[in-house]
Amino acid sequence: MARWAIGDLQGCCAEFEQLLARIRFNADVDQLWLTGDLVNRGPESLRALRTVHAMSDNVVTVLGNHDLHLLAVALTPDARLRKGDTLDDILAAADCDTLLSWLLDRPLAHHDGANNDLLIHAGLVPQWTAVQGAALAREVGDGLRHDPVALLGTMYGDEPRRWDDSLGGVQRARFIINVLTRLRACSADGTVDLRQKGTPESLPGTLLPWFDVPGRASRDTRVIFGHWSALGLRRRARLLALDTGCVWGGSLTAVNLDDDDAAPVSVPSRQARGAGD
């Protein structure tokens, strides 16, 4: 058995299928770990979602910001499609309700204690351990399944910007969602800045990549994430960044989580190059 982690699909289904062939994925014995953002911006969001859904017995996937956006547009009265969204085919599909119901059941984080791995879409603030991040993800996931309209309808916005254990209600849920699905950079005290999209070298002097904050509480767990296409592939002893920007003309990348010596496997994008988001 091999656990293969793959970065953000974002509707790039042809590349996904080519990558599965390249790694010789065997559904009888192997497992996929996907970093979220299965849909949006790419050309085949419906096909990508259907493909992953059909493989769900062999797939662990977390929710990304684009996945949550799809759910919000589909289920809440005020959310609207944005320029560049490629979600219309999903919303018009005969199996839309089935796909959305499955997506609602996906977690915002997956913690594998036996292997000391945490799968998320974006990041963690330095105050959170991997165990705490997974517990907060379950808290939001319970709310998402219990009352998706209420949670999705209030998740948009950049405030609050710093974690406090006393946060409650809408502010607590929004902060957890923002960190797990949108975070790239924060200050040393954990104040998040959700506007940053460039390379780590382009960050203002007061900000650091979330994973480079000294003494972050999650540093003893391997964190596997995507979301940051300008960062690209980054592989450390306790860190694996996997968004290599397929939807923006880069590539789609897989890494064998159970073989530290194995080289990453990538397939080139079929999309025109553009700016990541």
Protein backbone atom coordinates (compact mmCIF):
# COMPACT_ATOMS: atom_id res chain seq x y z
CA MET A 1 0.00 0.00 0.00
CA ALA A 2 1.14 3.51 -0.78
CA ARG A 3 -0.34 6.81 0.33
CA TRP A 4 -0.02 9.32 -2.48
CA ALA A 5 -0.56 13.02 -1.75
CA ILE A 6 -1.60 15.23 -4.67
CA GLY A 7 -1.93 19.00 -4.79
CA ASP A 8 -4.87 21.21 -5.78
CA LEU A 9 -6.82 19.86 -8.77
CA GLN A 10 -9.02 22.91 -9.40
CA GLY A 11 -10.86 21.22 -12.23
CA CYS A 12 -7.75 19.96 -14.04
CA CYS A 13 -9.12 16.45 -14.46
CA ALA A 14 -7.15 15.41 -17.54
CA GLU A 15 -3.90 16.10 -15.70
CA PHE A 16 -5.22 14.27 -12.63
CA GLU A 17 -5.99 11.15 -14.65
CA GLN A 18 -2.61 11.33 -16.37
CA LEU A 19 -0.88 11.65 -12.98
CA LEU A 20 -2.74 8.62 -11.60
CA ALA A 21 -1.46 6.64 -14.56
CA ARG A 22 2.08 7.92 -14.03
CA ILE A 23 2.17 6.82 -10.39
CA ARG A 24 0.45 3.54 -11.30
CA PHE A 25 -2.22 4.14 -8.71
CA ASN A 26 -3.82 0.86 -7.66
CA ALA A 27 -7.27 1.30 -6.10
CA ASP A 28 -7.01 -2.16 -4.53
CA VAL A 29 -4.11 -1.22 -2.26
CA ASP A 30 -3.28 2.50 -2.57
CA GLN A 31 -4.80 5.62 -1.05
CA LEU A 32 -4.94 9.22 -2.29
CA TRP A 33 -4.57 12.24 -0.03
CA LEU A 34 -5.85 15.37 -1.79
CA THR A 35 -5.17 18.87 -0.47
CA GLY A 36 -8.60 20.25 -1.42
CA ASP A 37 -9.75 22.74 -4.05
CA LEU A 38 -11.02 19.92 -6.21
CA VAL A 39 -12.95 22.44 -8.29
CA ASN A 40 -12.98 25.91 -9.83
CA ARG A 41 -10.91 27.96 -12.27
CA GLY A 42 -9.95 24.89 -14.31
CA PRO A 43 -11.87 23.55 -17.34
CA GLU A 44 -13.38 20.33 -15.91
CA SER A 45 -14.69 21.00 -12.42
CA LEU A 46 -17.66 18.67 -12.80
CA ARG A 47 -15.57 15.84 -14.20
CA ALA A 48 -12.96 16.27 -11.47
CA LEU A 49 -15.57 16.20 -8.72
CA ARG A 50 -17.27 13.15 -10.22
CA THR A 51 -13.94 11.36 -10.59
CA VAL A 52 -12.90 11.92 -6.98
CA HIS A 53 -16.39 11.08 -5.73
CA ALA A 54 -16.30 7.76 -7.62
CA MET A 55 -12.95 6.95 -5.96
CA SER A 56 -14.07 8.01 -2.49
CA ASP A 57 -13.33 4.64 -0.86
CA ASN A 58 -9.66 5.26 -1.66
CA VAL A 59 -9.54 9.03 -1.17
CA VAL A 60 -8.93 11.30 1.79
CA THR A 61 -9.63 14.87 0.78
CA VAL A 62 -10.06 18.04 2.78
CA LEU A 63 -12.13 21.07 1.86
CA GLY A 64 -10.42 24.03 0.24
CA ASN A 65 -11.67 27.59 -0.13
CA HIS A 66 -12.96 26.91 -3.66
CA ASP A 67 -14.85 23.84 -2.49
CA LEU A 68 -16.51 25.91 0.25
CA HIS A 69 -17.30 28.62 -2.29
CA LEU A 70 -19.10 26.06 -4.45
CA LEU A 71 -21.15 24.93 -1.45
CA ALA A 72 -21.98 28.51 -0.52
CA VAL A 73 -23.12 29.41 -4.05
CA ALA A 74 -25.25 26.29 -4.23
CA LEU A 75 -26.81 26.41 -0.77
CA THR A 76 -27.03 30.02 0.44
CA PRO A 77 -29.18 32.83 -0.95
CA ASP A 78 -26.56 35.60 -1.01
CA ALA A 79 -23.40 33.92 -2.37
CA ARG A 80 -22.80 34.50 -6.07
CA LEU A 81 -20.48 33.17 -8.72
CA ARG A 82 -17.41 35.31 -9.29
CA LYS A 83 -15.53 36.26 -12.42
CA GLY A 84 -13.39 33.30 -13.45
CA ASP A 85 -15.48 30.67 -11.63
CA THR A 86 -16.01 27.44 -13.55
CA LEU A 87 -18.78 25.93 -11.43
CA ASP A 88 -21.82 26.25 -13.72
CA ASP A 89 -21.61 22.65 -14.98
CA ILE A 90 -21.72 21.32 -11.42
CA LEU A 91 -24.67 23.49 -10.45
CA ALA A 92 -26.60 22.36 -13.55
CA ALA A 93 -25.71 18.66 -13.30
CA ALA A 94 -28.36 16.01 -12.66
CA ASP A 95 -26.20 14.58 -9.86
CA CYS A 96 -25.44 17.98 -8.30
CA ASP A 97 -27.24 17.19 -5.03
CA THR A 98 -25.37 13.91 -4.64
CA LEU A 99 -22.01 15.56 -5.26
CA LEU A 100 -22.71 18.45 -2.91
CA SER A 101 -23.94 16.13 -0.17
CA TRP A 102 -20.70 14.15 -0.44
CA LEU A 103 -18.63 17.34 -0.41
CA LEU A 104 -20.41 18.57 2.73
CA ASP A 105 -19.17 15.46 4.53
CA ARG A 106 -15.51 16.10 3.73
CA PRO A 107 -13.40 17.39 6.67
CA LEU A 108 -11.36 20.58 6.87
CA ALA A 109 -8.44 18.58 8.27
CA HIS A 110 -7.40 14.94 8.48
CA HIS A 111 -5.07 13.88 11.29
CA ASP A 112 -3.32 10.52 11.01
CA GLY A 113 -1.86 10.01 14.46
CA ALA A 114 -0.25 6.68 13.61
CA ASN A 115 1.88 8.30 10.89
CA ASN A 116 2.07 11.73 12.57
CA ASP A 117 0.60 13.44 9.50
CA LEU A 118 -1.91 16.27 9.19
CA LEU A 119 -3.61 17.02 5.87
CA ILE A 120 -5.06 20.53 5.44
CA HIS A 121 -5.68 22.88 2.54
CA ALA A 122 -3.83 26.02 3.62
CA GLY A 123 -2.24 26.55 7.03
CA LEU A 124 -2.19 26.68 10.82
CA VAL A 125 -1.60 29.59 13.16
CA PRO A 126 1.45 29.09 15.38
CA GLN A 127 -0.66 28.63 18.52
CA TRP A 128 -2.33 25.46 17.23
CA THR A 129 -0.92 21.97 17.53
CA ALA A 130 -1.87 19.46 14.86
CA VAL A 131 -4.29 17.83 17.30
CA GLN A 132 -5.91 21.18 18.11
CA GLY A 133 -6.16 22.11 14.44
CA ALA A 134 -7.90 18.82 13.70
CA ALA A 135 -10.28 19.31 16.64
CA LEU A 136 -11.20 22.82 15.48
CA ALA A 137 -11.72 21.47 11.96
CA ARG A 138 -14.15 18.88 13.35
CA GLU A 139 -15.96 21.63 15.25
CA VAL A 140 -16.58 23.56 12.03
CA GLY A 141 -17.35 20.38 10.13
CA ASP A 142 -20.07 19.51 12.65
CA GLY A 143 -21.58 22.96 12.12
CA LEU A 144 -21.34 22.58 8.36
CA ARG A 145 -23.29 19.34 8.42
CA HIS A 146 -25.82 20.51 11.05
CA ASP A 147 -26.68 23.88 9.46
CA PRO A 148 -24.72 24.50 6.25
CA VAL A 149 -26.74 27.55 5.24
CA ALA A 150 -25.99 29.40 8.47
CA LEU A 151 -22.29 28.57 8.48
CA LEU A 152 -21.63 29.14 4.78
CA GLY A 153 -23.65 32.34 4.78
CA THR A 154 -21.40 33.94 7.38
CA MET A 155 -17.96 32.57 6.47
CA TYR A 156 -16.91 35.37 4.08
CA GLY A 157 -14.70 38.10 5.54
CA ASP A 158 -11.16 38.57 6.90
CA GLU A 159 -11.95 39.29 10.56
CA PRO A 160 -10.97 38.37 13.22
CA ARG A 161 -7.27 38.30 12.44
CA ARG A 162 -5.91 36.65 15.58
CA TRP A 163 -6.84 33.52 17.50
CA ASP A 164 -8.27 33.68 20.99
CA ASP A 165 -9.65 30.66 22.82
CA SER A 166 -12.60 32.79 23.89
CA LEU A 167 -13.75 33.41 20.32
CA GLY A 168 -17.27 32.14 19.74
CA GLY A 169 -20.07 31.98 17.22
CA VAL A 170 -19.56 33.41 13.76
CA GLN A 171 -16.15 34.90 14.54
CA ARG A 172 -14.77 31.60 15.80
CA ALA A 173 -16.01 29.61 12.81
CA ARG A 174 -14.84 32.22 10.30
CA PHE A 175 -11.35 32.38 11.79
CA ILE A 176 -10.98 28.60 11.76
CA ILE A 177 -12.16 28.39 8.15
CA ASN A 178 -9.90 31.25 7.06
CA VAL A 179 -6.82 29.68 8.63
CA LEU A 180 -7.42 26.16 7.37
CA THR A 181 -8.45 27.16 3.83
CA ARG A 182 -6.89 30.57 3.07
CA LEU A 183 -3.79 31.22 5.22
CA ARG A 184 -0.37 31.74 3.70
CA ALA A 185 1.33 34.26 5.96
CA CYS A 186 1.08 35.62 9.48
CA SER A 187 3.13 37.58 11.99
CA ALA A 188 5.15 35.96 14.76
CA ASP A 189 2.24 36.39 17.19
CA GLY A 190 -0.17 34.65 14.83
CA THR A 191 -1.93 37.70 13.37
CA VAL A 192 -3.04 36.54 9.93
CA ASP A 193 -2.83 38.48 6.67
CA LEU A 194 -5.08 36.88 4.08
CA ARG A 195 -4.16 39.30 1.28
CA GLN A 196 -0.75 37.77 0.58
CA LYS A 197 -0.52 35.63 -2.57
CA GLY A 198 3.06 36.04 -3.78
CA THR A 199 6.26 34.18 -3.01
CA PRO A 200 7.65 34.03 0.53
CA GLU A 201 10.36 36.45 -0.59
CA SER A 202 7.73 39.07 -1.47
CA LEU A 203 6.17 39.16 2.01
CA PRO A 204 6.43 42.39 4.00
CA GLY A 205 9.04 42.33 6.75
CA THR A 206 6.50 41.81 9.54
CA LEU A 207 5.13 38.62 7.96
CA LEU A 208 6.39 35.08 7.66
CA PRO A 209 5.11 31.99 5.88
CA TRP A 210 2.91 30.36 8.52
CA PHE A 211 5.19 27.31 8.64
CA ASP A 212 8.33 29.42 9.31
CA VAL A 213 7.08 31.09 12.50
CA PRO A 214 9.63 30.14 15.17
CA GLY A 215 8.34 27.68 17.73
CA ARG A 216 4.98 27.00 16.05
CA ALA A 217 3.10 24.38 18.03
CA SER A 218 2.55 22.06 15.04
CA ARG A 219 6.23 21.72 14.14
CA ASP A 220 6.52 18.10 15.36
CA THR A 221 3.85 16.85 12.94
CA ARG A 222 4.25 16.55 9.17
CA VAL A 223 1.77 19.01 7.68
CA ILE A 224 0.68 18.33 4.10
CA PHE A 225 -1.01 21.24 2.35
CA GLY A 226 -1.68 23.04 -0.93
CA HIS A 227 -3.27 26.44 -1.67
CA TRP A 228 -0.05 28.41 -2.23
CA SER A 229 0.79 28.03 -5.91
CA ALA A 230 3.50 30.72 -5.79
CA LEU A 231 5.27 28.62 -3.15
CA GLY A 232 5.26 25.51 -5.30
CA LEU A 233 6.62 22.17 -4.16
CA ARG A 234 8.39 22.39 -0.81
CA ARG A 235 9.47 19.26 0.99
CA ARG A 236 10.97 19.17 4.47
CA ALA A 237 11.14 16.59 7.23
CA ARG A 238 7.89 17.86 8.76
CA LEU A 239 6.36 19.80 5.87
CA LEU A 240 5.02 19.07 2.40
CA ALA A 241 3.65 21.87 0.19
CA LEU A 242 2.00 20.47 -2.93
CA ASP A 243 0.25 23.20 -4.94
CA THR A 244 2.40 23.44 -8.05
CA GLY A 245 -0.10 25.61 -9.91
CA CYS A 246 -1.60 23.23 -12.43
CA VAL A 247 -4.58 25.49 -13.11
CA TRP A 248 -2.19 28.42 -13.71
CA GLY A 249 0.01 26.63 -16.24
CA GLY A 250 2.36 24.88 -13.84
CA SER A 251 2.02 21.19 -13.07
CA LEU A 252 0.13 18.68 -10.93
CA THR A 253 2.34 16.86 -8.45
CA ALA A 254 2.13 13.66 -6.40
CA VAL A 255 4.40 12.57 -3.54
CA ASN A 256 4.57 9.12 -1.95
CA LEU A 257 4.02 9.83 1.74
CA ASP A 258 5.47 6.47 2.75
CA ASP A 259 8.79 6.72 0.90
CA ASP A 260 10.95 9.71 1.82
CA ASP A 261 13.50 8.79 -0.83
CA ALA A 262 11.05 8.65 -3.74
CA ALA A 263 11.12 11.59 -6.11
CA PRO A 264 7.95 13.62 -6.65
CA VAL A 265 6.00 12.80 -9.79
CA SER A 266 4.55 15.64 -11.88
CA VAL A 267 2.64 16.09 -15.11
CA PRO A 268 2.62 19.42 -16.96
CA SER A 269 -0.47 21.57 -17.06
CA ARG A 270 -2.58 21.83 -20.20
CA GLN A 271 -3.75 25.29 -19.12
CA ALA A 272 -2.45 28.69 -20.21
CA ARG A 273 -0.14 30.33 -17.70
CA GLY A 274 -1.72 32.92 -15.42
CA ALA A 275 -1.59 34.47 -11.97
CA GLY A 276 -2.46 32.21 -9.04
CA ASP A 277 -5.29 32.78 -6.60
